[in-house]
Amino acid sequence: MALLIWTTVAIFAGAFAGGVSRWALARIPAPRVGTWAANMVACSILGFVSGHGGLVAMAIGTGFAGALSTWSTLAKELGQLIRDRNWSELVRYALATAVLSLVAAGFGLRWGALAFG
């Protein structure tokens, strides 16, 4: 029972920090930059901690990275580009996000493997 409580506290603490970070990135005035940055950072962080177990992985991976990432906002932004019929920006943004999210996660996995052995 104590482990469940500490895990929950760790996730909530990480989520609070991730939410505040996402809020700060959302303040960037350029369209879609904050969403893109939040998702790239979250993917790399989640990749990094995926090889580490315990409360650290829960707090940082599930809590921080989970709250920092904002895939629902990405869907809203892509929907707006569809409504505006801005096809070139839609394709560029969707592909850049999909491909570079995988690259960021891959770098995170590699750095995590080096850090945690």
PDB file of N, CA and C in Angstrom:
ATOM      1  N   MET A   1       0.821  -1.195   0.000  1.00  0.00           N
ATOM      2  CA  MET A   1       0.000   0.000   0.000  1.00  0.00           C
ATOM      3  C   MET A   1       0.863   1.256   0.000  1.00  0.00           C
ATOM      4  N   ALA A   2       1.962   1.226   0.767  1.00  0.00           N
ATOM      5  CA  ALA A   2       2.840   2.395   0.821  1.00  0.00           C
ATOM      6  C   ALA A   2       3.458   2.675  -0.541  1.00  0.00           C
ATOM      7  N   LEU A   3       3.823   1.622  -1.276  1.00  0.00           N
ATOM      8  CA  LEU A   3       4.404   1.808  -2.609  1.00  0.00           C
ATOM      9  C   LEU A   3       3.396   2.460  -3.551  1.00  0.00           C
ATOM     10  N   LEU A   4       2.144   2.064  -3.460  1.00  0.00           N
ATOM     11  CA  LEU A   4       1.102   2.659  -4.290  1.00  0.00           C
ATOM     12  C   LEU A   4       0.961   4.147  -3.992  1.00  0.00           C
ATOM     13  N   ILE A   5       1.003   4.501  -2.729  1.00  0.00           N
ATOM     14  CA  ILE A   5       0.892   5.911  -2.342  1.00  0.00           C
ATOM     15  C   ILE A   5       2.073   6.696  -2.886  1.00  0.00           C
ATOM     16  N   TRP A   6       3.297   6.192  -2.706  1.00  0.00           N
ATOM     17  CA  TRP A   6       4.489   6.900  -3.192  1.00  0.00           C
ATOM     18  C   TRP A   6       4.502   6.985  -4.711  1.00  0.00           C
ATOM     19  N   THR A   7       4.042   5.954  -5.382  1.00  0.00           N
ATOM     20  CA  THR A   7       3.966   5.986  -6.847  1.00  0.00           C
ATOM     21  C   THR A   7       2.990   7.059  -7.302  1.00  0.00           C
ATOM     22  N   THR A   8       1.847   7.123  -6.651  1.00  0.00           N
ATOM     23  CA  THR A   8       0.844   8.131  -6.985  1.00  0.00           C
ATOM     24  C   THR A   8       1.374   9.533  -6.738  1.00  0.00           C
ATOM     25  N   VAL A   9       2.033   9.743  -5.612  1.00  0.00           N
ATOM     26  CA  VAL A   9       2.618  11.051  -5.295  1.00  0.00           C
ATOM     27  C   VAL A   9       3.673  11.422  -6.335  1.00  0.00           C
ATOM     28  N   ALA A  10       4.516  10.457  -6.717  1.00  0.00           N
ATOM     29  CA  ALA A  10       5.565  10.716  -7.709  1.00  0.00           C
ATOM     30  C   ALA A  10       4.957  11.106  -9.053  1.00  0.00           C
ATOM     31  N   ILE A  11       3.913  10.400  -9.467  1.00  0.00           N
ATOM     32  CA  ILE A  11       3.263  10.722 -10.742  1.00  0.00           C
ATOM     33  C   ILE A  11       2.625  12.102 -10.679  1.00  0.00           C
ATOM     34  N   PHE A  12       1.932  12.411  -9.592  1.00  0.00           N
ATOM     35  CA  PHE A  12       1.308  13.729  -9.455  1.00  0.00           C
ATOM     36  C   PHE A  12       2.345  14.847  -9.453  1.00  0.00           C
ATOM     37  N   ALA A  13       3.460  14.641  -8.760  1.00  0.00           N
ATOM     38  CA  ALA A  13       4.516  15.662  -8.729  1.00  0.00           C
ATOM     39  C   ALA A  13       5.094  15.877 -10.124  1.00  0.00           C
ATOM     40  N   GLY A  14       5.367  14.787 -10.825  1.00  0.00           N
ATOM     41  CA  GLY A  14       5.862  14.910 -12.194  1.00  0.00           C
ATOM     42  C   GLY A  14       4.847  15.565 -13.112  1.00  0.00           C
ATOM     43  N   ALA A  15       3.582  15.207 -12.951  1.00  0.00           N
ATOM     44  CA  ALA A  15       2.527  15.778 -13.785  1.00  0.00           C
ATOM     45  C   ALA A  15       2.376  17.274 -13.542  1.00  0.00           C
ATOM     46  N   PHE A  16       2.520  17.696 -12.297  1.00  0.00           N
ATOM     47  CA  PHE A  16       2.438  19.124 -12.000  1.00  0.00           C
ATOM     48  C   PHE A  16       3.538  19.876 -12.738  1.00  0.00           C
ATOM     49  N   ALA A  17       4.771  19.378 -12.635  1.00  0.00           N
ATOM     50  CA  ALA A  17       5.898  20.029 -13.309  1.00  0.00           C
ATOM     51  C   ALA A  17       5.721  19.994 -14.830  1.00  0.00           C
ATOM     52  N   GLY A  18       5.238  18.878 -15.363  1.00  0.00           N
ATOM     53  CA  GLY A  18       5.005  18.777 -16.801  1.00  0.00           C
ATOM     54  C   GLY A  18       3.910  19.722 -17.275  1.00  0.00           C
ATOM     55  N   GLY A  19       2.861  19.846 -16.488  1.00  0.00           N
ATOM     56  CA  GLY A  19       1.773  20.758 -16.834  1.00  0.00           C
ATOM     57  C   GLY A  19       2.214  22.210 -16.826  1.00  0.00           C
ATOM     58  N   VAL A  20       3.006  22.585 -15.835  1.00  0.00           N
ATOM     59  CA  VAL A  20       3.537  23.950 -15.779  1.00  0.00           C
ATOM     60  C   VAL A  20       4.455  24.202 -16.974  1.00  0.00           C
ATOM     61  N   SER A  21       5.267  23.216 -17.318  1.00  0.00           N
ATOM     62  CA  SER A  21       6.162  23.357 -18.473  1.00  0.00           C
ATOM     63  C   SER A  21       5.371  23.500 -19.770  1.00  0.00           C
ATOM     64  N   ARG A  22       4.323  22.712 -19.916  1.00  0.00           N
ATOM     65  CA  ARG A  22       3.493  22.817 -21.118  1.00  0.00           C
ATOM     66  C   ARG A  22       2.821  24.176 -21.179  1.00  0.00           C
ATOM     67  N   TRP A  23       2.350  24.665 -20.049  1.00  0.00           N
ATOM     68  CA  TRP A  23       1.739  25.992 -20.006  1.00  0.00           C
ATOM     69  C   TRP A  23       2.742  27.048 -20.468  1.00  0.00           C
ATOM     70  N   ALA A  24       3.988  26.947 -19.990  1.00  0.00           N
ATOM     71  CA  ALA A  24       5.016  27.916 -20.387  1.00  0.00           C
ATOM     72  C   ALA A  24       5.281  27.837 -21.891  1.00  0.00           C
ATOM     73  N   LEU A  25       5.354  26.630 -22.436  1.00  0.00           N
ATOM     74  CA  LEU A  25       5.586  26.488 -23.876  1.00  0.00           C
ATOM     75  C   LEU A  25       4.403  26.995 -24.694  1.00  0.00           C
ATOM     76  N   ALA A  26       3.205  26.897 -24.154  1.00  0.00           N
ATOM     77  CA  ALA A  26       2.016  27.382 -24.857  1.00  0.00           C
ATOM     78  C   ALA A  26       2.019  28.900 -24.984  1.00  0.00           C
ATOM     79  N   ARG A  27       2.834  29.574 -24.196  1.00  0.00           N
ATOM     80  CA  ARG A  27       2.918  31.032 -24.240  1.00  0.00           C
ATOM     81  C   ARG A  27       3.738  31.523 -25.434  1.00  0.00           C
ATOM     82  N   ILE A  28       4.444  30.623 -26.118  1.00  0.00           N
ATOM     83  CA  ILE A  28       5.230  31.012 -27.288  1.00  0.00           C
ATOM     84  C   ILE A  28       4.264  31.537 -28.348  1.00  0.00           C
ATOM     85  N   PRO A  29       4.496  32.758 -28.834  1.00  0.00           N
ATOM     86  CA  PRO A  29       3.516  33.359 -29.743  1.00  0.00           C
ATOM     87  C   PRO A  29       3.462  32.741 -31.146  1.00  0.00           C
ATOM     88  N   ALA A  30       4.511  32.092 -31.598  1.00  0.00           N
ATOM     89  CA  ALA A  30       4.496  31.506 -32.946  1.00  0.00           C
ATOM     90  C   ALA A  30       3.534  30.320 -32.982  1.00  0.00           C
ATOM     91  N   PRO A  31       2.711  30.230 -34.034  1.00  0.00           N
ATOM     92  CA  PRO A  31       1.734  29.138 -34.096  1.00  0.00           C
ATOM     93  C   PRO A  31       2.391  27.761 -34.118  1.00  0.00           C
ATOM     94  N   ARG A  32       1.896  26.885 -33.322  1.00  0.00           N
ATOM     95  CA  ARG A  32       2.270  25.467 -33.280  1.00  0.00           C
ATOM     96  C   ARG A  32       3.663  25.182 -32.726  1.00  0.00           C
ATOM     97  N   VAL A  33       4.470  26.172 -32.466  1.00  0.00           N
ATOM     98  CA  VAL A  33       5.837  25.931 -31.980  1.00  0.00           C
ATOM     99  C   VAL A  33       5.823  25.324 -30.582  1.00  0.00           C
ATOM    100  N   GLY A  34       4.994  25.841 -29.695  1.00  0.00           N
ATOM    101  CA  GLY A  34       4.925  25.321 -28.328  1.00  0.00           C
ATOM    102  C   GLY A  34       4.451  23.882 -28.279  1.00  0.00           C
ATOM    103  N   THR A  35       3.437  23.563 -29.070  1.00  0.00           N
ATOM    104  CA  THR A  35       2.931  22.186 -29.124  1.00  0.00           C
ATOM    105  C   THR A  35       4.006  21.248 -29.640  1.00  0.00           C
ATOM    106  N   TRP A  36       4.658  21.646 -30.721  1.00  0.00           N
ATOM    107  CA  TRP A  36       5.700  20.812 -31.323  1.00  0.00           C
ATOM    108  C   TRP A  36       6.848  20.606 -30.340  1.00  0.00           C
ATOM    109  N   ALA A  37       7.297  21.680 -29.696  1.00  0.00           N
ATOM    110  CA  ALA A  37       8.407  21.569 -28.738  1.00  0.00           C
ATOM    111  C   ALA A  37       8.027  20.679 -27.562  1.00  0.00           C
ATOM    112  N   ALA A  38       6.823  20.851 -27.031  1.00  0.00           N
ATOM    113  CA  ALA A  38       6.378  20.032 -25.900  1.00  0.00           C
ATOM    114  C   ALA A  38       6.384  18.553 -26.265  1.00  0.00           C
ATOM    115  N   ASN A  39       5.888  18.221 -27.436  1.00  0.00           N
ATOM    116  CA  ASN A  39       5.824  16.819 -27.841  1.00  0.00           C
ATOM    117  C   ASN A  39       7.204  16.233 -28.112  1.00  0.00           C
ATOM    118  N   MET A  40       8.110  17.013 -28.690  1.00  0.00           N
ATOM    119  CA  MET A  40       9.466  16.511 -28.949  1.00  0.00           C
ATOM    120  C   MET A  40      10.211  16.250 -27.636  1.00  0.00           C
ATOM    121  N   VAL A  41      10.111  17.187 -26.711  1.00  0.00           N
ATOM    122  CA  VAL A  41      10.780  17.020 -25.416  1.00  0.00           C
ATOM    123  C   VAL A  41      10.183  15.833 -24.668  1.00  0.00           C
ATOM    124  N   ALA A  42       8.858  15.714 -24.676  1.00  0.00           N
ATOM    125  CA  ALA A  42       8.202  14.600 -23.978  1.00  0.00           C
ATOM    126  C   ALA A  42       8.622  13.254 -24.562  1.00  0.00           C
ATOM    127  N   CYS A  43       8.710  13.160 -25.876  1.00  0.00           N
ATOM    128  CA  CYS A  43       9.128  11.890 -26.503  1.00  0.00           C
ATOM    129  C   CYS A  43      10.555  11.528 -26.116  1.00  0.00           C
ATOM    130  N   SER A  44      11.447  12.510 -26.117  1.00  0.00           N
ATOM    131  CA  SER A  44      12.839  12.204 -25.766  1.00  0.00           C
ATOM    132  C   SER A  44      12.967  11.837 -24.290  1.00  0.00           C
ATOM    133  N   ILE A  45      12.239  12.512 -23.428  1.00  0.00           N
ATOM    134  CA  ILE A  45      12.283  12.193 -21.998  1.00  0.00           C
ATOM    135  C   ILE A  45      11.711  10.797 -21.744  1.00  0.00           C
ATOM    136  N   LEU A  46      10.594  10.487 -22.373  1.00  0.00           N
ATOM    137  CA  LEU A  46       9.997   9.165 -22.179  1.00  0.00           C
ATOM    138  C   LEU A  46      10.922   8.068 -22.686  1.00  0.00           C
ATOM    139  N   GLY A  47      11.577   8.314 -23.813  1.00  0.00           N
ATOM    140  CA  GLY A  47      12.567   7.357 -24.294  1.00  0.00           C
ATOM    141  C   GLY A  47      13.705   7.188 -23.306  1.00  0.00           C
ATOM    142  N   PHE A  48      14.159   8.289 -22.740  1.00  0.00           N
ATOM    143  CA  PHE A  48      15.281   8.267 -21.801  1.00  0.00           C
ATOM    144  C   PHE A  48      14.979   7.426 -20.568  1.00  0.00           C
ATOM    145  N   VAL A  49      13.807   7.622 -19.973  1.00  0.00           N
ATOM    146  CA  VAL A  49      13.501   6.933 -18.714  1.00  0.00           C
ATOM    147  C   VAL A  49      12.888   5.553 -18.912  1.00  0.00           C
ATOM    148  N   SER A  50      12.611   5.173 -20.148  1.00  0.00           N
ATOM    149  CA  SER A  50      11.940   3.886 -20.356  1.00  0.00           C
ATOM    150  C   SER A  50      12.784   2.698 -19.913  1.00  0.00           C
ATOM    151  N   GLY A  51      14.095   2.848 -19.867  1.00  0.00           N
ATOM    152  CA  GLY A  51      14.948   1.758 -19.404  1.00  0.00           C
ATOM    153  C   GLY A  51      15.199   1.776 -17.916  1.00  0.00           C
ATOM    154  N   HIS A  52      14.658   2.753 -17.229  1.00  0.00           N
ATOM    155  CA  HIS A  52      14.855   2.892 -15.790  1.00  0.00           C
ATOM    156  C   HIS A  52      13.561   2.509 -15.101  1.00  0.00           C
ATOM    157  N   GLY A  53      13.635   1.770 -14.059  1.00  0.00           N
ATOM    158  CA  GLY A  53      12.429   1.351 -13.353  1.00  0.00           C
ATOM    159  C   GLY A  53      12.163   2.198 -12.128  1.00  0.00           C
ATOM    160  N   GLY A  54      11.108   1.903 -11.476  1.00  0.00           N
ATOM    161  CA  GLY A  54      10.813   2.492 -10.180  1.00  0.00           C
ATOM    162  C   GLY A  54      10.135   3.849 -10.239  1.00  0.00           C
ATOM    163  N   LEU A  55      10.223   4.538  -9.116  1.00  0.00           N
ATOM    164  CA  LEU A  55       9.537   5.814  -8.957  1.00  0.00           C
ATOM    165  C   LEU A  55      10.057   6.882  -9.902  1.00  0.00           C
ATOM    166  N   VAL A  56      11.341   6.841 -10.216  1.00  0.00           N
ATOM    167  CA  VAL A  56      11.906   7.846 -11.126  1.00  0.00           C
ATOM    168  C   VAL A  56      11.222   7.761 -12.486  1.00  0.00           C
ATOM    169  N   ALA A  57      11.110   6.557 -13.004  1.00  0.00           N
ATOM    170  CA  ALA A  57      10.454   6.381 -14.305  1.00  0.00           C
ATOM    171  C   ALA A  57       8.992   6.792 -14.234  1.00  0.00           C
ATOM    172  N   MET A  58       8.326   6.483 -13.149  1.00  0.00           N
ATOM    173  CA  MET A  58       6.918   6.860 -13.003  1.00  0.00           C
ATOM    174  C   MET A  58       6.759   8.374 -12.924  1.00  0.00           C
ATOM    175  N   ALA A  59       7.581   9.014 -12.104  1.00  0.00           N
ATOM    176  CA  ALA A  59       7.462  10.461 -11.926  1.00  0.00           C
ATOM    177  C   ALA A  59       7.808  11.207 -13.206  1.00  0.00           C
ATOM    178  N   ILE A  60       8.915  10.824 -13.823  1.00  0.00           N
ATOM    179  CA  ILE A  60       9.381  11.555 -15.000  1.00  0.00           C
ATOM    180  C   ILE A  60       8.655  11.100 -16.266  1.00  0.00           C
ATOM    181  N   GLY A  61       8.536   9.799 -16.453  1.00  0.00           N
ATOM    182  CA  GLY A  61       7.919   9.294 -17.677  1.00  0.00           C
ATOM    183  C   GLY A  61       6.419   9.479 -17.704  1.00  0.00           C
ATOM    184  N   THR A  62       5.742   8.850 -16.770  1.00  0.00           N
ATOM    185  CA  THR A  62       4.285   8.918 -16.746  1.00  0.00           C
ATOM    186  C   THR A  62       3.801  10.302 -16.333  1.00  0.00           C
ATOM    187  N   GLY A  63       4.391  10.853 -15.279  1.00  0.00           N
ATOM    188  CA  GLY A  63       3.949  12.147 -14.764  1.00  0.00           C
ATOM    189  C   GLY A  63       4.371  13.314 -15.634  1.00  0.00           C
ATOM    190  N   PHE A  64       5.680  13.595 -15.661  1.00  0.00           N
ATOM    191  CA  PHE A  64       6.177  14.785 -16.353  1.00  0.00           C
ATOM    192  C   PHE A  64       5.948  14.712 -17.862  1.00  0.00           C
ATOM    193  N   ALA A  65       6.457  13.658 -18.504  1.00  0.00           N
ATOM    194  CA  ALA A  65       6.338  13.568 -19.965  1.00  0.00           C
ATOM    195  C   ALA A  65       4.880  13.428 -20.395  1.00  0.00           C
ATOM    196  N   GLY A  66       4.096  12.698 -19.611  1.00  0.00           N
ATOM    197  CA  GLY A  66       2.684  12.547 -19.944  1.00  0.00           C
ATOM    198  C   GLY A  66       1.925  13.860 -19.890  1.00  0.00           C
ATOM    199  N   ALA A  67       2.223  14.691 -18.900  1.00  0.00           N
ATOM    200  CA  ALA A  67       1.551  15.984 -18.788  1.00  0.00           C
ATOM    201  C   ALA A  67       2.123  17.004 -19.767  1.00  0.00           C
ATOM    202  N   LEU A  68       3.403  16.872 -20.082  1.00  0.00           N
ATOM    203  CA  LEU A  68       4.032  17.807 -21.018  1.00  0.00           C
ATOM    204  C   LEU A  68       3.531  17.589 -22.437  1.00  0.00           C
ATOM    205  N   SER A  69       3.385  16.346 -22.840  1.00  0.00           N
ATOM    206  CA  SER A  69       2.950  16.077 -24.218  1.00  0.00           C
ATOM    207  C   SER A  69       1.514  16.542 -24.406  1.00  0.00           C
ATOM    208  N   THR A  70       1.205  16.952 -25.597  1.00  0.00           N
ATOM    209  CA  THR A  70      -0.111  17.502 -25.836  1.00  0.00           C
ATOM    210  C   THR A  70      -0.628  17.076 -27.202  1.00  0.00           C
ATOM    211  N   TRP A  71      -0.942  15.792 -27.290  1.00  0.00           N
ATOM    212  CA  TRP A  71      -1.396  15.243 -28.564  1.00  0.00           C
ATOM    213  C   TRP A  71      -2.797  15.716 -28.913  1.00  0.00           C
ATOM    214  N   SER A  72      -3.608  16.050 -27.929  1.00  0.00           N
ATOM    215  CA  SER A  72      -4.942  16.572 -28.234  1.00  0.00           C
ATOM    216  C   SER A  72      -4.841  17.952 -28.881  1.00  0.00           C
ATOM    217  N   THR A  73      -3.888  18.765 -28.430  1.00  0.00           N
ATOM    218  CA  THR A  73      -3.686  20.069 -29.058  1.00  0.00           C
ATOM    219  C   THR A  73      -3.159  19.894 -30.478  1.00  0.00           C
ATOM    220  N   LEU A  74      -2.287  18.907 -30.678  1.00  0.00           N
ATOM    221  CA  LEU A  74      -1.813  18.607 -32.030  1.00  0.00           C
ATOM    222  C   LEU A  74      -2.996  18.275 -32.936  1.00  0.00           C
ATOM    223  N   ALA A  75      -3.916  17.446 -32.463  1.00  0.00           N
ATOM    224  CA  ALA A  75      -5.093  17.083 -33.261  1.00  0.00           C
ATOM    225  C   ALA A  75      -5.931  18.320 -33.585  1.00  0.00           C
ATOM    226  N   LYS A  76      -6.086  19.208 -32.616  1.00  0.00           N
ATOM    227  CA  LYS A  76      -6.837  20.446 -32.845  1.00  0.00           C
ATOM    228  C   LYS A  76      -6.148  21.307 -33.898  1.00  0.00           C
ATOM    229  N   GLU A  77      -4.828  21.424 -33.803  1.00  0.00           N
ATOM    230  CA  GLU A  77      -4.083  22.242 -34.763  1.00  0.00           C
ATOM    231  C   GLU A  77      -4.129  21.643 -36.171  1.00  0.00           C
ATOM    232  N   LEU A  78      -4.015  20.325 -36.267  1.00  0.00           N
ATOM    233  CA  LEU A  78      -4.124  19.676 -37.575  1.00  0.00           C
ATOM    234  C   LEU A  78      -5.534  19.854 -38.147  1.00  0.00           C
ATOM    235  N   GLY A  79      -6.536  19.753 -37.289  1.00  0.00           N
ATOM    236  CA  GLY A  79      -7.912  19.983 -37.727  1.00  0.00           C
ATOM    237  C   GLY A  79      -8.122  21.397 -38.244  1.00  0.00           C
ATOM    238  N   GLN A  80      -7.490  22.358 -37.586  1.00  0.00           N
ATOM    239  CA  GLN A  80      -7.595  23.750 -38.042  1.00  0.00           C
ATOM    240  C   GLN A  80      -6.944  23.923 -39.415  1.00  0.00           C
ATOM    241  N   LEU A  81      -5.807  23.274 -39.617  1.00  0.00           N
ATOM    242  CA  LEU A  81      -5.147  23.349 -40.929  1.00  0.00           C
ATOM    243  C   LEU A  81      -6.012  22.706 -42.018  1.00  0.00           C
ATOM    244  N   ILE A  82      -6.729  21.638 -41.670  1.00  0.00           N
ATOM    245  CA  ILE A  82      -7.651  21.015 -42.628  1.00  0.00           C
ATOM    246  C   ILE A  82      -8.802  21.969 -42.937  1.00  0.00           C
ATOM    247  N   ARG A  83      -9.377  22.569 -41.898  1.00  0.00           N
ATOM    248  CA  ARG A  83     -10.476  23.519 -42.099  1.00  0.00           C
ATOM    249  C   ARG A  83     -10.047  24.686 -42.977  1.00  0.00           C
ATOM    250  N   ASP A  84      -8.793  25.137 -42.762  1.00  0.00           N
ATOM    251  CA  ASP A  84      -8.263  26.263 -43.544  1.00  0.00           C
ATOM    252  C   ASP A  84      -7.784  25.841 -44.934  1.00  0.00           C
ATOM    253  N   ARG A  85      -7.821  24.545 -45.191  1.00  0.00           N
ATOM    254  CA  ARG A  85      -7.345  23.986 -46.458  1.00  0.00           C
ATOM    255  C   ARG A  85      -5.890  24.368 -46.738  1.00  0.00           C
ATOM    256  N   ASN A  86      -5.118  24.402 -45.671  1.00  0.00           N
ATOM    257  CA  ASN A  86      -3.686  24.709 -45.767  1.00  0.00           C
ATOM    258  C   ASN A  86      -2.939  23.379 -45.866  1.00  0.00           C
ATOM    259  N   TRP A  87      -3.044  22.754 -47.026  1.00  0.00           N
ATOM    260  CA  TRP A  87      -2.570  21.386 -47.210  1.00  0.00           C
ATOM    261  C   TRP A  87      -1.056  21.261 -47.060  1.00  0.00           C
ATOM    262  N   SER A  88      -0.316  22.213 -47.588  1.00  0.00           N
ATOM    263  CA  SER A  88       1.150  22.093 -47.503  1.00  0.00           C
ATOM    264  C   SER A  88       1.623  22.186 -46.055  1.00  0.00           C
ATOM    265  N   GLU A  89       1.047  23.094 -45.285  1.00  0.00           N
ATOM    266  CA  GLU A  89       1.421  23.214 -43.873  1.00  0.00           C
ATOM    267  C   GLU A  89       0.951  21.992 -43.087  1.00  0.00           C
ATOM    268  N   LEU A  90      -0.215  21.474 -43.430  1.00  0.00           N
ATOM    269  CA  LEU A  90      -0.738  20.270 -42.784  1.00  0.00           C
ATOM    270  C   LEU A  90       0.224  19.098 -42.960  1.00  0.00           C
ATOM    271  N   VAL A  91       0.637  18.858 -44.185  1.00  0.00           N
ATOM    272  CA  VAL A  91       1.543  17.740 -44.463  1.00  0.00           C
ATOM    273  C   VAL A  91       2.887  17.962 -43.780  1.00  0.00           C
ATOM    274  N   ARG A  92       3.424  19.179 -43.882  1.00  0.00           N
ATOM    275  CA  ARG A  92       4.718  19.483 -43.268  1.00  0.00           C
ATOM    276  C   ARG A  92       4.673  19.283 -41.757  1.00  0.00           C
ATOM    277  N   TYR A  93       3.664  19.836 -41.117  1.00  0.00           N
ATOM    278  CA  TYR A  93       3.553  19.762 -39.658  1.00  0.00           C
ATOM    279  C   TYR A  93       3.302  18.327 -39.189  1.00  0.00           C
ATOM    280  N   ALA A  94       2.397  17.622 -39.861  1.00  0.00           N
ATOM    281  CA  ALA A  94       2.090  16.241 -39.465  1.00  0.00           C
ATOM    282  C   ALA A  94       3.303  15.333 -39.649  1.00  0.00           C
ATOM    283  N   LEU A  95       3.974  15.447 -40.785  1.00  0.00           N
ATOM    284  CA  LEU A  95       5.153  14.604 -41.024  1.00  0.00           C
ATOM    285  C   LEU A  95       6.301  14.956 -40.089  1.00  0.00           C
ATOM    286  N   ALA A  96       6.540  16.249 -39.901  1.00  0.00           N
ATOM    287  CA  ALA A  96       7.621  16.663 -38.999  1.00  0.00           C
ATOM    288  C   ALA A  96       7.368  16.150 -37.591  1.00  0.00           C
ATOM    289  N   THR A  97       6.131  16.238 -37.142  1.00  0.00           N
ATOM    290  CA  THR A  97       5.807  15.762 -35.799  1.00  0.00           C
ATOM    291  C   THR A  97       5.963  14.249 -35.695  1.00  0.00           C
ATOM    292  N   ALA A  98       5.412  13.518 -36.649  1.00  0.00           N
ATOM    293  CA  ALA A  98       5.467  12.051 -36.588  1.00  0.00           C
ATOM    294  C   ALA A  98       6.900  11.539 -36.674  1.00  0.00           C
ATOM    295  N   VAL A  99       7.639  12.014 -37.659  1.00  0.00           N
ATOM    296  CA  VAL A  99       9.001  11.515 -37.870  1.00  0.00           C
ATOM    297  C   VAL A  99       9.925  11.950 -36.742  1.00  0.00           C
ATOM    298  N   LEU A 100       9.882  13.229 -36.402  1.00  0.00           N
ATOM    299  CA  LEU A 100      10.817  13.720 -35.387  1.00  0.00           C
ATOM    300  C   LEU A 100      10.453  13.257 -33.979  1.00  0.00           C
ATOM    301  N   SER A 101       9.197  12.904 -33.732  1.00  0.00           N
ATOM    302  CA  SER A 101       8.840  12.298 -32.443  1.00  0.00           C
ATOM    303  C   SER A 101       9.531  10.955 -32.281  1.00  0.00           C
ATOM    304  N   LEU A 102       9.551  10.180 -33.358  1.00  0.00           N
ATOM    305  CA  LEU A 102      10.250   8.887 -33.318  1.00  0.00           C
ATOM    306  C   LEU A 102      11.754   9.077 -33.166  1.00  0.00           C
ATOM    307  N   VAL A 103      12.300  10.062 -33.854  1.00  0.00           N
ATOM    308  CA  VAL A 103      13.734  10.357 -33.723  1.00  0.00           C
ATOM    309  C   VAL A 103      14.052  10.787 -32.292  1.00  0.00           C
ATOM    310  N   ALA A 104      13.224  11.668 -31.727  1.00  0.00           N
ATOM    311  CA  ALA A 104      13.445  12.133 -30.352  1.00  0.00           C
ATOM    312  C   ALA A 104      13.366  10.974 -29.364  1.00  0.00           C
ATOM    313  N   ALA A 105      12.390  10.102 -29.537  1.00  0.00           N
ATOM    314  CA  ALA A 105      12.281   8.933 -28.657  1.00  0.00           C
ATOM    315  C   ALA A 105      13.493   8.024 -28.818  1.00  0.00           C
ATOM    316  N   GLY A 106      13.962   7.862 -30.044  1.00  0.00           N
ATOM    317  CA  GLY A 106      15.154   7.046 -30.289  1.00  0.00           C
ATOM    318  C   GLY A 106      16.392   7.611 -29.622  1.00  0.00           C
ATOM    319  N   PHE A 107      16.573   8.929 -29.720  1.00  0.00           N
ATOM    320  CA  PHE A 107      17.701   9.558 -29.029  1.00  0.00           C
ATOM    321  C   PHE A 107      17.574   9.373 -27.524  1.00  0.00           C
ATOM    322  N   GLY A 108      16.347   9.551 -27.012  1.00  0.00           N
ATOM    323  CA  GLY A 108      16.127   9.344 -25.587  1.00  0.00           C
ATOM    324  C   GLY A 108      16.457   7.930 -25.154  1.00  0.00           C
ATOM    325  N   LEU A 109      16.039   6.951 -25.946  1.00  0.00           N
ATOM    326  CA  LEU A 109      16.361   5.552 -25.637  1.00  0.00           C
ATOM    327  C   LEU A 109      17.868   5.341 -25.593  1.00  0.00           C
ATOM    328  N   ARG A 110      18.556   5.906 -26.560  1.00  0.00           N
ATOM    329  CA  ARG A 110      20.017   5.740 -26.626  1.00  0.00           C
ATOM    330  C   ARG A 110      20.685   6.396 -25.423  1.00  0.00           C
ATOM    331  N   TRP A 111      20.291   7.628 -25.117  1.00  0.00           N
ATOM    332  CA  TRP A 111      20.876   8.327 -23.962  1.00  0.00           C
ATOM    333  C   TRP A 111      20.548   7.600 -22.666  1.00  0.00           C
ATOM    334  N   GLY A 112      19.332   7.089 -22.557  1.00  0.00           N
ATOM    335  CA  GLY A 112      18.947   6.332 -21.369  1.00  0.00           C
ATOM    336  C   GLY A 112      19.760   5.062 -21.216  1.00  0.00           C
ATOM    337  N   ALA A 113      20.012   4.382 -22.334  1.00  0.00           N
ATOM    338  CA  ALA A 113      20.826   3.161 -22.279  1.00  0.00           C
ATOM    339  C   ALA A 113      22.247   3.477 -21.830  1.00  0.00           C
ATOM    340  N   LEU A 114      22.783   4.594 -22.292  1.00  0.00           N
ATOM    341  CA  LEU A 114      24.130   4.996 -21.868  1.00  0.00           C
ATOM    342  C   LEU A 114      24.145   5.399 -20.395  1.00  0.00           C
ATOM    343  N   ALA A 115      23.101   6.085 -19.964  1.00  0.00           N
ATOM    344  CA  ALA A 115      23.057   6.574 -18.584  1.00  0.00           C
ATOM    345  C   ALA A 115      22.782   5.462 -17.576  1.00  0.00           C
ATOM    346  N   PHE A 116      21.872   4.557 -17.919  1.00  0.00           N
ATOM    347  CA  PHE A 116      21.443   3.541 -16.966  1.00  0.00           C
ATOM    348  C   PHE A 116      22.083   2.181 -17.206  1.00  0.00           C
ATOM    349  N   GLY A 117      22.852   2.085 -18.282  1.00  0.00           N
ATOM    350  CA  GLY A 117      23.571   0.838 -18.575  1.00  0.00           C
ATOM    351  C   GLY A 117      22.657  -0.216 -18.995  1.00  0.00           C
TER     352      GLY A 117
END
